[in-house]
Amino acid sequence: MITEVEQRAAVVRTAQALRPSGLGVNRSGNVSARWGDGMLITPTGVPYAALEASSIVFLDRDGAGRAGELTPSSEWRMHAALYQTFPVCQAVVHCHSPAATALACSGRFIPPFHYMVAAAGGASIELARYATFGTPELSDNAVAALSGGRRACLLANHGQLAWGRSLDLALELAREVEALADQYQRALQLGEPVLLDEAEMARVLEKFETYGRQPQ
């Protein structure tokens, strides 16, 4: 059984992986993991390189923190909404990765131009409607864009959001979304991309239920 200190350290490692992964610069983005009846989330305004386990903030399901801890990320409501809406969600990564953010700022979602779009749980990676950062409205819009089993979405004029059953899986999915966003932009430069049809994406999604799994 992992301890709280170990989970805090895992959140730090994931946050510090954003920049080397090309998913963020400076202090943009935030990372959290479910913990007990709440979550452990990165603080606001602290450079990732300076994060320590003690820097991570605990918030209960109502958003109440512990005395003496730092101020949580301004996006804590969005993370809390995902934990409340998706019981299997154990970790959330939000970042302003370049390609995904460029699409989001152009009002574009990621359609089924490549079968790997299904890695995010749906036949497309949807675009959540814009709302001011840190607001309940943004949380609601993100949850709506994650309907239908989706585990990632773009956030209009903002960035991208990914969740998973672990911190490693949430980070891996955020990387995949960024790669797909970059590929889609390149395809757009060549003309209108050829999209996979609904029937094919349904087949792909079915195959993804066991994709990459090894026998126990």
N, C-alpha and C. Protein backbone atom coordinates (compact mmCIF):
# COMPACT_ATOMS: atom_id res chain seq x y z
N MET A 1 0.85 -1.20 0.00
CA MET A 1 0.00 0.00 0.00
C MET A 1 0.89 1.25 0.00
N ILE A 2 0.69 2.11 -0.97
CA ILE A 2 1.49 3.32 -1.08
C ILE A 2 1.13 4.30 0.03
N THR A 3 2.12 4.99 0.56
CA THR A 3 1.89 5.98 1.61
C THR A 3 1.59 7.34 0.99
N GLU A 4 1.08 8.25 1.80
CA GLU A 4 0.80 9.59 1.28
C GLU A 4 2.07 10.28 0.82
N VAL A 5 3.15 10.11 1.55
CA VAL A 5 4.42 10.73 1.16
C VAL A 5 4.87 10.20 -0.19
N GLU A 6 4.72 8.89 -0.40
CA GLU A 6 5.10 8.30 -1.67
C GLU A 6 4.22 8.81 -2.81
N GLN A 7 2.92 8.98 -2.54
CA GLN A 7 2.03 9.50 -3.58
C GLN A 7 2.35 10.96 -3.88
N ARG A 8 2.68 11.72 -2.86
CA ARG A 8 3.10 13.11 -3.08
C ARG A 8 4.34 13.16 -3.98
N ALA A 9 5.29 12.29 -3.69
CA ALA A 9 6.52 12.25 -4.49
C ALA A 9 6.22 11.86 -5.93
N ALA A 10 5.25 10.97 -6.12
CA ALA A 10 4.86 10.57 -7.48
C ALA A 10 4.23 11.73 -8.24
N VAL A 11 3.43 12.54 -7.57
CA VAL A 11 2.86 13.74 -8.19
C VAL A 11 3.98 14.69 -8.60
N VAL A 12 4.97 14.85 -7.75
CA VAL A 12 6.11 15.72 -8.07
C VAL A 12 6.83 15.21 -9.30
N ARG A 13 7.12 13.92 -9.34
CA ARG A 13 7.84 13.35 -10.49
C ARG A 13 7.06 13.56 -11.79
N THR A 14 5.75 13.38 -11.73
CA THR A 14 4.93 13.56 -12.92
C THR A 14 4.94 15.02 -13.37
N ALA A 15 4.80 15.94 -12.43
CA ALA A 15 4.83 17.36 -12.78
C ALA A 15 6.18 17.75 -13.37
N GLN A 16 7.24 17.21 -12.81
CA GLN A 16 8.57 17.56 -13.30
C GLN A 16 8.87 16.90 -14.64
N ALA A 17 8.05 15.93 -15.05
CA ALA A 17 8.23 15.29 -16.36
C ALA A 17 7.56 16.08 -17.48
N LEU A 18 6.72 17.06 -17.15
CA LEU A 18 5.99 17.78 -18.19
C LEU A 18 6.93 18.52 -19.14
N ARG A 19 7.88 19.26 -18.59
CA ARG A 19 8.76 20.04 -19.46
C ARG A 19 9.66 19.15 -20.33
N PRO A 20 10.34 18.13 -19.77
CA PRO A 20 11.15 17.26 -20.63
C PRO A 20 10.33 16.54 -21.69
N SER A 21 9.05 16.32 -21.40
CA SER A 21 8.16 15.65 -22.36
C SER A 21 7.64 16.59 -23.43
N GLY A 22 7.97 17.88 -23.34
CA GLY A 22 7.48 18.85 -24.30
C GLY A 22 6.04 19.25 -24.07
N LEU A 23 5.53 19.00 -22.86
CA LEU A 23 4.13 19.27 -22.57
C LEU A 23 3.91 20.60 -21.86
N GLY A 24 4.96 21.25 -21.43
CA GLY A 24 4.75 22.50 -20.70
C GLY A 24 6.02 23.31 -20.56
N VAL A 25 5.85 24.58 -20.28
CA VAL A 25 6.98 25.46 -20.02
C VAL A 25 6.71 26.24 -18.74
N ASN A 26 7.80 26.63 -18.10
CA ASN A 26 7.71 27.42 -16.87
C ASN A 26 6.77 26.76 -15.85
N ARG A 27 5.73 27.48 -15.42
CA ARG A 27 4.86 26.96 -14.37
C ARG A 27 3.48 26.55 -14.88
N SER A 28 3.31 26.47 -16.18
CA SER A 28 1.99 26.16 -16.74
C SER A 28 1.63 24.70 -16.51
N GLY A 29 0.33 24.45 -16.33
CA GLY A 29 -0.17 23.11 -16.14
C GLY A 29 -0.24 22.72 -14.68
N ASN A 30 -0.84 21.56 -14.42
CA ASN A 30 -0.98 21.07 -13.05
C ASN A 30 -1.25 19.57 -13.08
N VAL A 31 -0.93 18.92 -11.97
CA VAL A 31 -1.03 17.46 -11.86
C VAL A 31 -1.66 17.12 -10.52
N SER A 32 -2.48 16.07 -10.52
CA SER A 32 -3.07 15.62 -9.26
C SER A 32 -3.24 14.11 -9.26
N ALA A 33 -3.45 13.56 -8.07
CA ALA A 33 -3.75 12.14 -7.90
C ALA A 33 -4.82 12.01 -6.83
N ARG A 34 -5.73 11.09 -7.03
CA ARG A 34 -6.75 10.83 -6.02
C ARG A 34 -6.07 10.35 -4.73
N TRP A 35 -6.57 10.83 -3.59
CA TRP A 35 -6.05 10.36 -2.31
C TRP A 35 -7.18 10.36 -1.27
N GLY A 36 -7.54 9.18 -0.80
CA GLY A 36 -8.62 9.09 0.18
C GLY A 36 -9.91 9.66 -0.37
N ASP A 37 -10.51 10.57 0.38
CA ASP A 37 -11.76 11.19 -0.08
C ASP A 37 -11.49 12.49 -0.83
N GLY A 38 -10.24 12.70 -1.21
CA GLY A 38 -9.90 13.93 -1.92
C GLY A 38 -8.79 13.71 -2.92
N MET A 39 -7.86 14.65 -2.97
CA MET A 39 -6.78 14.55 -3.94
C MET A 39 -5.53 15.26 -3.43
N LEU A 40 -4.42 14.92 -4.05
CA LEU A 40 -3.15 15.59 -3.86
C LEU A 40 -2.83 16.31 -5.16
N ILE A 41 -2.61 17.63 -5.10
CA ILE A 41 -2.47 18.43 -6.31
C ILE A 41 -1.30 19.39 -6.19
N THR A 42 -0.70 19.73 -7.32
CA THR A 42 0.41 20.67 -7.33
C THR A 42 -0.07 22.06 -6.87
N PRO A 43 0.83 22.82 -6.23
CA PRO A 43 0.47 24.16 -5.76
C PRO A 43 0.52 25.18 -6.89
N THR A 44 -0.08 26.32 -6.67
CA THR A 44 -0.03 27.39 -7.66
C THR A 44 1.27 28.17 -7.53
N GLY A 45 1.83 28.57 -8.67
CA GLY A 45 2.94 29.50 -8.68
C GLY A 45 4.30 28.97 -8.29
N VAL A 46 4.44 27.68 -8.04
CA VAL A 46 5.74 27.12 -7.64
C VAL A 46 6.39 26.46 -8.86
N PRO A 47 7.61 26.86 -9.23
CA PRO A 47 8.28 26.21 -10.37
C PRO A 47 8.40 24.71 -10.13
N TYR A 48 8.20 23.93 -11.19
CA TYR A 48 8.25 22.48 -11.04
C TYR A 48 9.57 22.00 -10.46
N ALA A 49 10.67 22.64 -10.87
CA ALA A 49 11.98 22.20 -10.39
C ALA A 49 12.12 22.36 -8.88
N ALA A 50 11.32 23.26 -8.30
CA ALA A 50 11.42 23.52 -6.86
C ALA A 50 10.45 22.68 -6.04
N LEU A 51 9.62 21.87 -6.71
CA LEU A 51 8.63 21.09 -5.98
C LEU A 51 9.27 20.00 -5.13
N GLU A 52 8.72 19.81 -3.95
CA GLU A 52 9.07 18.70 -3.07
C GLU A 52 7.77 18.02 -2.64
N ALA A 53 7.89 16.86 -2.01
CA ALA A 53 6.69 16.17 -1.56
C ALA A 53 5.85 17.05 -0.65
N SER A 54 6.51 17.85 0.18
CA SER A 54 5.79 18.72 1.12
C SER A 54 5.11 19.89 0.42
N SER A 55 5.46 20.14 -0.86
CA SER A 55 4.83 21.23 -1.61
C SER A 55 3.43 20.86 -2.09
N ILE A 56 3.17 19.57 -2.23
CA ILE A 56 1.91 19.10 -2.78
C ILE A 56 0.79 19.35 -1.76
N VAL A 57 -0.38 19.71 -2.28
CA VAL A 57 -1.49 20.16 -1.44
C VAL A 57 -2.60 19.10 -1.40
N PHE A 58 -3.07 18.78 -0.21
CA PHE A 58 -4.23 17.90 -0.08
C PHE A 58 -5.50 18.73 -0.02
N LEU A 59 -6.50 18.31 -0.80
CA LEU A 59 -7.84 18.90 -0.74
C LEU A 59 -8.85 17.79 -0.57
N ASP A 60 -9.83 17.98 0.30
CA ASP A 60 -10.87 16.97 0.44
C ASP A 60 -11.89 17.12 -0.69
N ARG A 61 -12.92 16.30 -0.72
CA ARG A 61 -13.88 16.28 -1.83
C ARG A 61 -14.62 17.61 -1.97
N ASP A 62 -14.64 18.43 -0.90
CA ASP A 62 -15.30 19.72 -0.95
C ASP A 62 -14.34 20.86 -1.26
N GLY A 63 -13.07 20.52 -1.50
CA GLY A 63 -12.08 21.54 -1.82
C GLY A 63 -11.43 22.19 -0.61
N ALA A 64 -11.67 21.64 0.58
CA ALA A 64 -11.05 22.18 1.80
C ALA A 64 -9.67 21.58 1.98
N GLY A 65 -8.71 22.43 2.35
CA GLY A 65 -7.34 21.98 2.52
C GLY A 65 -6.95 21.81 3.98
N ARG A 66 -5.68 21.55 4.19
CA ARG A 66 -5.13 21.41 5.53
C ARG A 66 -4.40 22.67 5.93
N ALA A 67 -4.48 23.02 7.19
CA ALA A 67 -3.81 24.22 7.69
C ALA A 67 -2.30 24.11 7.47
N GLY A 68 -1.71 25.19 7.01
CA GLY A 68 -0.26 25.24 6.86
C GLY A 68 0.25 24.81 5.50
N GLU A 69 -0.61 24.24 4.64
CA GLU A 69 -0.14 23.82 3.32
C GLU A 69 -0.23 24.99 2.33
N LEU A 70 0.43 24.82 1.19
CA LEU A 70 0.44 25.87 0.17
C LEU A 70 -0.93 26.01 -0.48
N THR A 71 -1.09 27.07 -1.26
CA THR A 71 -2.33 27.28 -2.02
C THR A 71 -2.33 26.35 -3.23
N PRO A 72 -3.42 25.63 -3.45
CA PRO A 72 -3.46 24.67 -4.57
C PRO A 72 -3.52 25.36 -5.92
N SER A 73 -3.29 24.59 -6.96
CA SER A 73 -3.46 25.08 -8.33
C SER A 73 -4.82 25.73 -8.51
N SER A 74 -4.84 26.78 -9.31
CA SER A 74 -6.11 27.46 -9.58
C SER A 74 -7.10 26.56 -10.30
N GLU A 75 -6.62 25.46 -10.88
CA GLU A 75 -7.49 24.55 -11.61
C GLU A 75 -7.97 23.38 -10.76
N TRP A 76 -7.91 23.49 -9.44
CA TRP A 76 -8.28 22.36 -8.59
C TRP A 76 -9.73 21.93 -8.81
N ARG A 77 -10.61 22.87 -9.16
CA ARG A 77 -12.02 22.50 -9.38
C ARG A 77 -12.16 21.53 -10.56
N MET A 78 -11.37 21.75 -11.59
CA MET A 78 -11.45 20.88 -12.76
C MET A 78 -11.00 19.46 -12.40
N HIS A 79 -9.94 19.37 -11.63
CA HIS A 79 -9.46 18.06 -11.18
C HIS A 79 -10.52 17.39 -10.30
N ALA A 80 -11.07 18.14 -9.36
CA ALA A 80 -12.08 17.59 -8.45
C ALA A 80 -13.29 17.09 -9.23
N ALA A 81 -13.68 17.83 -10.27
CA ALA A 81 -14.85 17.43 -11.07
C ALA A 81 -14.62 16.09 -11.75
N LEU A 82 -13.40 15.85 -12.21
CA LEU A 82 -13.10 14.58 -12.86
C LEU A 82 -13.15 13.43 -11.86
N TYR A 83 -12.63 13.63 -10.67
CA TYR A 83 -12.67 12.56 -9.67
C TYR A 83 -14.10 12.25 -9.25
N GLN A 84 -14.92 13.27 -9.18
CA GLN A 84 -16.31 13.07 -8.76
C GLN A 84 -17.15 12.42 -9.87
N THR A 85 -16.81 12.73 -11.13
CA THR A 85 -17.60 12.24 -12.26
C THR A 85 -17.18 10.85 -12.72
N PHE A 86 -15.88 10.57 -12.65
CA PHE A 86 -15.34 9.31 -13.17
C PHE A 86 -14.69 8.52 -12.03
N PRO A 87 -15.40 7.58 -11.44
CA PRO A 87 -14.89 6.84 -10.28
C PRO A 87 -13.56 6.12 -10.52
N VAL A 88 -13.30 5.71 -11.77
CA VAL A 88 -12.05 4.99 -12.03
C VAL A 88 -10.87 5.93 -12.25
N CYS A 89 -11.13 7.21 -12.34
CA CYS A 89 -10.06 8.20 -12.52
C CYS A 89 -9.21 8.26 -11.25
N GLN A 90 -7.91 8.05 -11.41
CA GLN A 90 -6.99 8.10 -10.27
C GLN A 90 -5.95 9.21 -10.38
N ALA A 91 -5.84 9.82 -11.56
CA ALA A 91 -4.83 10.87 -11.75
C ALA A 91 -5.23 11.77 -12.92
N VAL A 92 -4.84 13.03 -12.83
CA VAL A 92 -5.18 14.02 -13.85
C VAL A 92 -3.95 14.82 -14.22
N VAL A 93 -3.74 15.01 -15.51
CA VAL A 93 -2.67 15.88 -16.02
C VAL A 93 -3.31 16.94 -16.89
N HIS A 94 -3.04 18.20 -16.57
CA HIS A 94 -3.49 19.32 -17.40
C HIS A 94 -2.25 20.10 -17.82
N CYS A 95 -2.15 20.40 -19.11
CA CYS A 95 -0.97 21.12 -19.59
C CYS A 95 -1.32 22.00 -20.79
N HIS A 96 -0.38 22.87 -21.12
CA HIS A 96 -0.52 23.78 -22.26
C HIS A 96 0.46 23.35 -23.35
N SER A 97 0.42 22.09 -23.73
CA SER A 97 1.36 21.58 -24.73
C SER A 97 1.15 22.29 -26.06
N PRO A 98 2.24 22.57 -26.80
CA PRO A 98 2.16 23.47 -27.96
C PRO A 98 1.15 23.10 -29.04
N ALA A 99 1.20 21.86 -29.55
CA ALA A 99 0.33 21.50 -30.66
C ALA A 99 -1.13 21.43 -30.23
N ALA A 100 -1.39 20.81 -29.08
CA ALA A 100 -2.77 20.72 -28.60
C ALA A 100 -3.34 22.10 -28.31
N THR A 101 -2.52 22.98 -27.74
CA THR A 101 -2.98 24.33 -27.43
C THR A 101 -3.25 25.12 -28.70
N ALA A 102 -2.41 24.93 -29.71
CA ALA A 102 -2.62 25.63 -30.99
C ALA A 102 -3.97 25.24 -31.60
N LEU A 103 -4.28 23.94 -31.58
CA LEU A 103 -5.58 23.50 -32.10
C LEU A 103 -6.71 24.09 -31.27
N ALA A 104 -6.56 24.05 -29.94
CA ALA A 104 -7.60 24.55 -29.04
C ALA A 104 -7.84 26.04 -29.24
N CYS A 105 -6.78 26.77 -29.54
CA CYS A 105 -6.92 28.21 -29.76
C CYS A 105 -7.45 28.53 -31.16
N SER A 106 -7.52 27.52 -32.01
CA SER A 106 -8.09 27.68 -33.34
C SER A 106 -9.52 27.15 -33.40
N GLY A 107 -10.05 26.75 -32.24
CA GLY A 107 -11.41 26.24 -32.18
C GLY A 107 -11.57 24.87 -32.81
N ARG A 108 -10.49 24.07 -32.82
CA ARG A 108 -10.53 22.76 -33.47
C ARG A 108 -10.50 21.62 -32.44
N PHE A 109 -11.19 20.56 -32.74
CA PHE A 109 -11.05 19.31 -32.00
C PHE A 109 -10.19 18.38 -32.84
N ILE A 110 -9.93 17.15 -32.36
CA ILE A 110 -9.15 16.19 -33.13
C ILE A 110 -10.09 15.10 -33.62
N PRO A 111 -10.39 15.08 -34.91
CA PRO A 111 -11.31 14.08 -35.46
C PRO A 111 -10.58 12.75 -35.69
N PRO A 112 -11.28 11.71 -36.16
CA PRO A 112 -10.65 10.40 -36.37
C PRO A 112 -9.80 10.35 -37.64
N PHE A 113 -8.76 11.17 -37.69
CA PHE A 113 -7.86 11.16 -38.84
C PHE A 113 -6.87 10.00 -38.73
N HIS A 114 -6.71 9.45 -37.53
CA HIS A 114 -5.79 8.34 -37.26
C HIS A 114 -6.43 7.45 -36.20
N TYR A 115 -6.22 6.15 -36.33
CA TYR A 115 -6.89 5.25 -35.39
C TYR A 115 -6.44 5.44 -33.95
N MET A 116 -5.22 6.02 -33.73
CA MET A 116 -4.73 6.20 -32.37
C MET A 116 -5.53 7.24 -31.58
N VAL A 117 -6.40 7.98 -32.25
CA VAL A 117 -7.32 8.87 -31.53
C VAL A 117 -8.11 8.08 -30.49
N ALA A 118 -8.36 6.80 -30.79
CA ALA A 118 -9.11 5.94 -29.88
C ALA A 118 -8.38 5.71 -28.56
N ALA A 119 -7.09 5.99 -28.51
CA ALA A 119 -6.35 5.84 -27.26
C ALA A 119 -6.91 6.72 -26.15
N ALA A 120 -7.60 7.78 -26.53
CA ALA A 120 -8.21 8.70 -25.55
C ALA A 120 -9.62 8.27 -25.19
N GLY A 121 -10.08 7.12 -25.69
CA GLY A 121 -11.35 6.56 -25.25
C GLY A 121 -12.56 6.85 -26.10
N GLY A 122 -12.39 7.59 -27.19
CA GLY A 122 -13.53 7.92 -28.05
C GLY A 122 -13.12 7.98 -29.50
N ALA A 123 -14.08 8.23 -30.37
CA ALA A 123 -13.81 8.32 -31.80
C ALA A 123 -13.24 9.69 -32.18
N SER A 124 -13.15 10.58 -31.22
CA SER A 124 -12.59 11.91 -31.43
C SER A 124 -12.09 12.43 -30.09
N ILE A 125 -11.25 13.44 -30.14
CA ILE A 125 -10.83 14.15 -28.94
C ILE A 125 -11.50 15.51 -29.00
N GLU A 126 -12.50 15.69 -28.17
CA GLU A 126 -13.38 16.85 -28.29
C GLU A 126 -12.76 18.13 -27.73
N LEU A 127 -13.36 19.24 -28.08
CA LEU A 127 -12.93 20.56 -27.62
C LEU A 127 -13.95 21.09 -26.61
N ALA A 128 -13.50 21.30 -25.37
CA ALA A 128 -14.38 21.87 -24.36
C ALA A 128 -14.56 23.36 -24.62
N ARG A 129 -15.78 23.86 -24.45
CA ARG A 129 -16.06 25.28 -24.66
C ARG A 129 -15.23 26.12 -23.71
N TYR A 130 -14.90 27.32 -24.15
CA TYR A 130 -14.07 28.20 -23.34
C TYR A 130 -14.81 28.71 -22.11
N ALA A 131 -14.07 28.78 -21.02
CA ALA A 131 -14.50 29.48 -19.81
C ALA A 131 -13.25 29.93 -19.10
N THR A 132 -13.36 30.95 -18.28
CA THR A 132 -12.21 31.48 -17.56
C THR A 132 -11.56 30.40 -16.70
N PHE A 133 -10.23 30.41 -16.67
CA PHE A 133 -9.52 29.36 -15.93
C PHE A 133 -9.90 29.39 -14.45
N GLY A 134 -9.95 28.20 -13.87
CA GLY A 134 -10.23 28.08 -12.45
C GLY A 134 -11.69 28.19 -12.05
N THR A 135 -12.59 28.30 -13.03
CA THR A 135 -14.01 28.52 -12.70
C THR A 135 -14.80 27.21 -12.75
N PRO A 136 -15.92 27.16 -12.03
CA PRO A 136 -16.80 26.00 -12.14
C PRO A 136 -17.29 25.77 -13.57
N GLU A 137 -17.46 26.86 -14.33
CA GLU A 137 -17.92 26.73 -15.71
C GLU A 137 -16.91 25.93 -16.55
N LEU A 138 -15.61 26.18 -16.35
CA LEU A 138 -14.60 25.43 -17.08
C LEU A 138 -14.65 23.96 -16.69
N SER A 139 -14.83 23.68 -15.41
CA SER A 139 -14.95 22.29 -14.96
C SER A 139 -16.12 21.60 -15.63
N ASP A 140 -17.25 22.27 -15.68
CA ASP A 140 -18.44 21.69 -16.32
C ASP A 140 -18.20 21.43 -17.80
N ASN A 141 -17.55 22.38 -18.47
CA ASN A 141 -17.29 22.23 -19.90
C ASN A 141 -16.33 21.08 -20.18
N ALA A 142 -15.34 20.92 -19.31
CA ALA A 142 -14.38 19.83 -19.48
C ALA A 142 -15.07 18.48 -19.30
N VAL A 143 -15.89 18.36 -18.27
CA VAL A 143 -16.61 17.10 -18.03
C VAL A 143 -17.51 16.77 -19.23
N ALA A 144 -18.17 17.76 -19.79
CA ALA A 144 -19.03 17.54 -20.96
C ALA A 144 -18.23 17.03 -22.15
N ALA A 145 -17.03 17.58 -22.35
CA ALA A 145 -16.19 17.16 -23.48
C ALA A 145 -15.62 15.76 -23.28
N LEU A 146 -15.65 15.27 -22.05
CA LEU A 146 -15.12 13.94 -21.75
C LEU A 146 -16.22 12.87 -21.72
N SER A 147 -17.38 13.18 -22.24
CA SER A 147 -18.48 12.22 -22.24
C SER A 147 -18.18 11.06 -23.18
N GLY A 148 -18.94 9.99 -23.03
CA GLY A 148 -18.81 8.86 -23.93
C GLY A 148 -17.56 8.02 -23.72
N GLY A 149 -17.03 8.03 -22.51
CA GLY A 149 -15.86 7.21 -22.21
C GLY A 149 -14.53 7.87 -22.51
N ARG A 150 -14.54 9.12 -22.92
CA ARG A 150 -13.29 9.81 -23.26
C ARG A 150 -12.46 10.10 -22.01
N ARG A 151 -11.14 10.01 -22.17
CA ARG A 151 -10.22 10.29 -21.07
C ARG A 151 -9.33 11.49 -21.34
N ALA A 152 -9.59 12.19 -22.43
CA ALA A 152 -8.81 13.39 -22.74
C ALA A 152 -9.65 14.33 -23.58
N CYS A 153 -9.36 15.61 -23.49
CA CYS A 153 -10.02 16.61 -24.32
C CYS A 153 -9.11 17.81 -24.48
N LEU A 154 -9.44 18.64 -25.44
CA LEU A 154 -8.81 19.95 -25.57
C LEU A 154 -9.68 20.96 -24.85
N LEU A 155 -9.06 22.04 -24.39
CA LEU A 155 -9.77 23.12 -23.71
C LEU A 155 -9.62 24.37 -24.55
N ALA A 156 -10.71 24.92 -25.05
CA ALA A 156 -10.65 26.05 -25.97
C ALA A 156 -9.83 27.20 -25.41
N ASN A 157 -8.92 27.72 -26.25
CA ASN A 157 -8.07 28.86 -25.88
C ASN A 157 -7.30 28.63 -24.59
N HIS A 158 -6.90 27.37 -24.38
CA HIS A 158 -6.30 27.04 -23.08
C HIS A 158 -5.24 25.94 -23.20
N GLY A 159 -5.63 24.69 -23.48
CA GLY A 159 -4.66 23.61 -23.50
C GLY A 159 -5.33 22.25 -23.63
N GLN A 160 -4.82 21.28 -22.89
CA GLN A 160 -5.39 19.93 -22.95
C GLN A 160 -5.50 19.35 -21.54
N LEU A 161 -6.33 18.32 -21.43
CA LEU A 161 -6.62 17.67 -20.15
C LEU A 161 -6.68 16.17 -20.39
N ALA A 162 -6.01 15.39 -19.52
CA ALA A 162 -6.01 13.93 -19.66
C ALA A 162 -6.10 13.29 -18.28
N TRP A 163 -6.83 12.18 -18.19
CA TRP A 163 -6.89 11.47 -16.92
C TRP A 163 -6.63 9.99 -17.15
N GLY A 164 -6.25 9.29 -16.07
CA GLY A 164 -5.96 7.87 -16.20
C GLY A 164 -6.13 7.14 -14.88
N ARG A 165 -5.91 5.85 -14.93
CA ARG A 165 -6.01 5.01 -13.74
C ARG A 165 -4.75 5.08 -12.89
N SER A 166 -3.75 5.82 -13.34
CA SER A 166 -2.52 6.06 -12.59
C SER A 166 -1.88 7.34 -13.12
N LEU A 167 -0.91 7.86 -12.39
CA LEU A 167 -0.19 9.04 -12.85
C LEU A 167 0.56 8.74 -14.15
N ASP A 168 1.18 7.57 -14.23
CA ASP A 168 1.92 7.21 -15.44
C ASP A 168 1.02 7.17 -16.66
N LEU A 169 -0.19 6.60 -16.49
CA LEU A 169 -1.11 6.49 -17.62
C LEU A 169 -1.67 7.85 -18.02
N ALA A 170 -1.93 8.72 -17.05
CA ALA A 170 -2.42 10.06 -17.38
C ALA A 170 -1.36 10.84 -18.14
N LEU A 171 -0.10 10.73 -17.71
CA LEU A 171 0.99 11.42 -18.41
C LEU A 171 1.19 10.84 -19.80
N GLU A 172 1.13 9.52 -19.91
CA GLU A 172 1.28 8.88 -21.22
C GLU A 172 0.19 9.35 -22.18
N LEU A 173 -1.03 9.47 -21.69
CA LEU A 173 -2.13 9.90 -22.56
C LEU A 173 -1.94 11.36 -22.98
N ALA A 174 -1.49 12.20 -22.07
CA ALA A 174 -1.23 13.60 -22.43
C ALA A 174 -0.18 13.69 -23.53
N ARG A 175 0.84 12.83 -23.45
CA ARG A 175 1.86 12.78 -24.51
C ARG A 175 1.24 12.34 -25.83
N GLU A 176 0.36 11.34 -25.76
CA GLU A 176 -0.29 10.84 -26.98
C GLU A 176 -1.16 11.92 -27.62
N VAL A 177 -1.91 12.65 -26.80
CA VAL A 177 -2.75 13.74 -27.32
C VAL A 177 -1.89 14.78 -28.02
N GLU A 178 -0.76 15.12 -27.41
CA GLU A 178 0.12 16.12 -28.03
C GLU A 178 0.66 15.61 -29.36
N ALA A 179 1.07 14.34 -29.41
CA ALA A 179 1.57 13.77 -30.66
C ALA A 179 0.49 13.78 -31.74
N LEU A 180 -0.74 13.41 -31.38
CA LEU A 180 -1.84 13.41 -32.34
C LEU A 180 -2.16 14.83 -32.82
N ALA A 181 -2.12 15.78 -31.91
CA ALA A 181 -2.38 17.17 -32.29
C ALA A 181 -1.34 17.66 -33.29
N ASP A 182 -0.09 17.29 -33.07
CA ASP A 182 0.98 17.68 -33.99
C ASP A 182 0.79 17.01 -35.35
N GLN A 183 0.47 15.72 -35.35
CA GLN A 183 0.25 15.00 -36.61
C GLN A 183 -0.94 15.57 -37.37
N TYR A 184 -2.01 15.92 -36.66
CA TYR A 184 -3.20 16.46 -37.31
C TYR A 184 -2.89 17.81 -37.95
N GLN A 185 -2.12 18.64 -37.25
CA GLN A 185 -1.74 19.92 -37.84
C GLN A 185 -0.92 19.72 -39.12
N ARG A 186 -0.01 18.77 -39.10
CA ARG A 186 0.79 18.50 -40.29
C ARG A 186 -0.09 18.00 -41.44
N ALA A 187 -1.06 17.15 -41.11
CA ALA A 187 -1.97 16.65 -42.14
C ALA A 187 -2.79 17.79 -42.74
N LEU A 188 -3.21 18.72 -41.90
CA LEU A 188 -3.99 19.86 -42.38
C LEU A 188 -3.19 20.72 -43.36
N GLN A 189 -1.88 20.76 -43.18
CA GLN A 189 -1.05 21.55 -44.08
C GLN A 189 -1.01 20.96 -45.49
N LEU A 190 -1.30 19.67 -45.60
CA LEU A 190 -1.29 18.99 -46.90
C LEU A 190 -2.65 19.01 -47.59
N GLY A 191 -3.67 19.46 -46.85
CA GLY A 191 -5.03 19.48 -47.38
C GLY A 191 -5.99 18.96 -46.33
N GLU A 192 -7.15 18.55 -46.75
CA GLU A 192 -8.15 18.03 -45.82
C GLU A 192 -7.84 16.56 -45.52
N PRO A 193 -7.55 16.21 -44.26
CA PRO A 193 -7.22 14.82 -43.94
C PRO A 193 -8.38 13.88 -44.22
N VAL A 194 -8.05 12.65 -44.58
CA VAL A 194 -9.05 11.60 -44.76
C VAL A 194 -9.40 11.06 -43.37
N LEU A 195 -10.69 11.03 -43.06
CA LEU A 195 -11.13 10.60 -41.74
C LEU A 195 -11.64 9.16 -41.79
N LEU A 196 -11.39 8.42 -40.72
CA LEU A 196 -11.94 7.08 -40.58
C LEU A 196 -13.42 7.18 -40.26
N ASP A 197 -14.22 6.26 -40.79
CA ASP A 197 -15.66 6.37 -40.59
C ASP A 197 -16.06 5.81 -39.22
N GLU A 198 -17.32 6.01 -38.89
CA GLU A 198 -17.85 5.63 -37.58
C GLU A 198 -17.70 4.14 -37.32
N ALA A 199 -17.98 3.32 -38.34
CA ALA A 199 -17.90 1.88 -38.17
C ALA A 199 -16.46 1.44 -37.87
N GLU A 200 -15.51 2.02 -38.58
CA GLU A 200 -14.12 1.65 -38.34
C GLU A 200 -13.66 2.07 -36.95
N MET A 201 -14.03 3.26 -36.52
CA MET A 201 -13.63 3.70 -35.19
C MET A 201 -14.28 2.85 -34.10
N ALA A 202 -15.49 2.36 -34.36
CA ALA A 202 -16.12 1.44 -33.41
C ALA A 202 -15.31 0.15 -33.30
N ARG A 203 -14.81 -0.34 -34.43
CA ARG A 203 -13.97 -1.55 -34.41
C ARG A 203 -12.67 -1.29 -33.66
N VAL A 204 -12.09 -0.13 -33.92
CA VAL A 204 -10.83 0.22 -33.26
C VAL A 204 -11.02 0.34 -31.75
N LEU A 205 -12.09 0.99 -31.34
CA LEU A 205 -12.36 1.15 -29.91
C LEU A 205 -12.55 -0.20 -29.23
N GLU A 206 -13.19 -1.13 -29.93
CA GLU A 206 -13.37 -2.47 -29.37
C GLU A 206 -12.02 -3.16 -29.22
N LYS A 207 -11.14 -3.01 -30.21
CA LYS A 207 -9.82 -3.63 -30.14
C LYS A 207 -8.98 -2.99 -29.04
N PHE A 208 -9.20 -1.69 -28.79
CA PHE A 208 -8.43 -0.99 -27.76
C PHE A 208 -8.77 -1.46 -26.35
N GLU A 209 -9.86 -2.19 -26.20
CA GLU A 209 -10.21 -2.69 -24.88
C GLU A 209 -9.19 -3.70 -24.37
N THR A 210 -8.48 -4.36 -25.29
CA THR A 210 -7.44 -5.31 -24.89
C THR A 210 -6.09 -4.95 -25.49
N TYR A 211 -5.99 -3.81 -26.15
CA TYR A 211 -4.75 -3.40 -26.84
C TYR A 211 -3.61 -3.23 -25.84
N GLY A 212 -2.47 -3.83 -26.17
CA GLY A 212 -1.27 -3.63 -25.37
C GLY A 212 -1.21 -4.43 -24.08
N ARG A 213 -2.19 -5.25 -23.82
CA ARG A 213 -2.20 -6.02 -22.57
C ARG A 213 -1.52 -7.36 -22.75
N GLN A 214 -0.69 -7.73 -21.80
CA GLN A 214 -0.03 -9.02 -21.79
C GLN A 214 -0.76 -9.95 -20.84
N PRO A 215 -0.75 -11.27 -21.10
CA PRO A 215 -1.39 -12.21 -20.18
C PRO A 215 -0.75 -12.15 -18.80
N GLN A 216 -1.55 -12.31 -17.78
CA GLN A 216 -1.06 -12.26 -16.41
C GLN A 216 -0.27 -13.52 -16.09
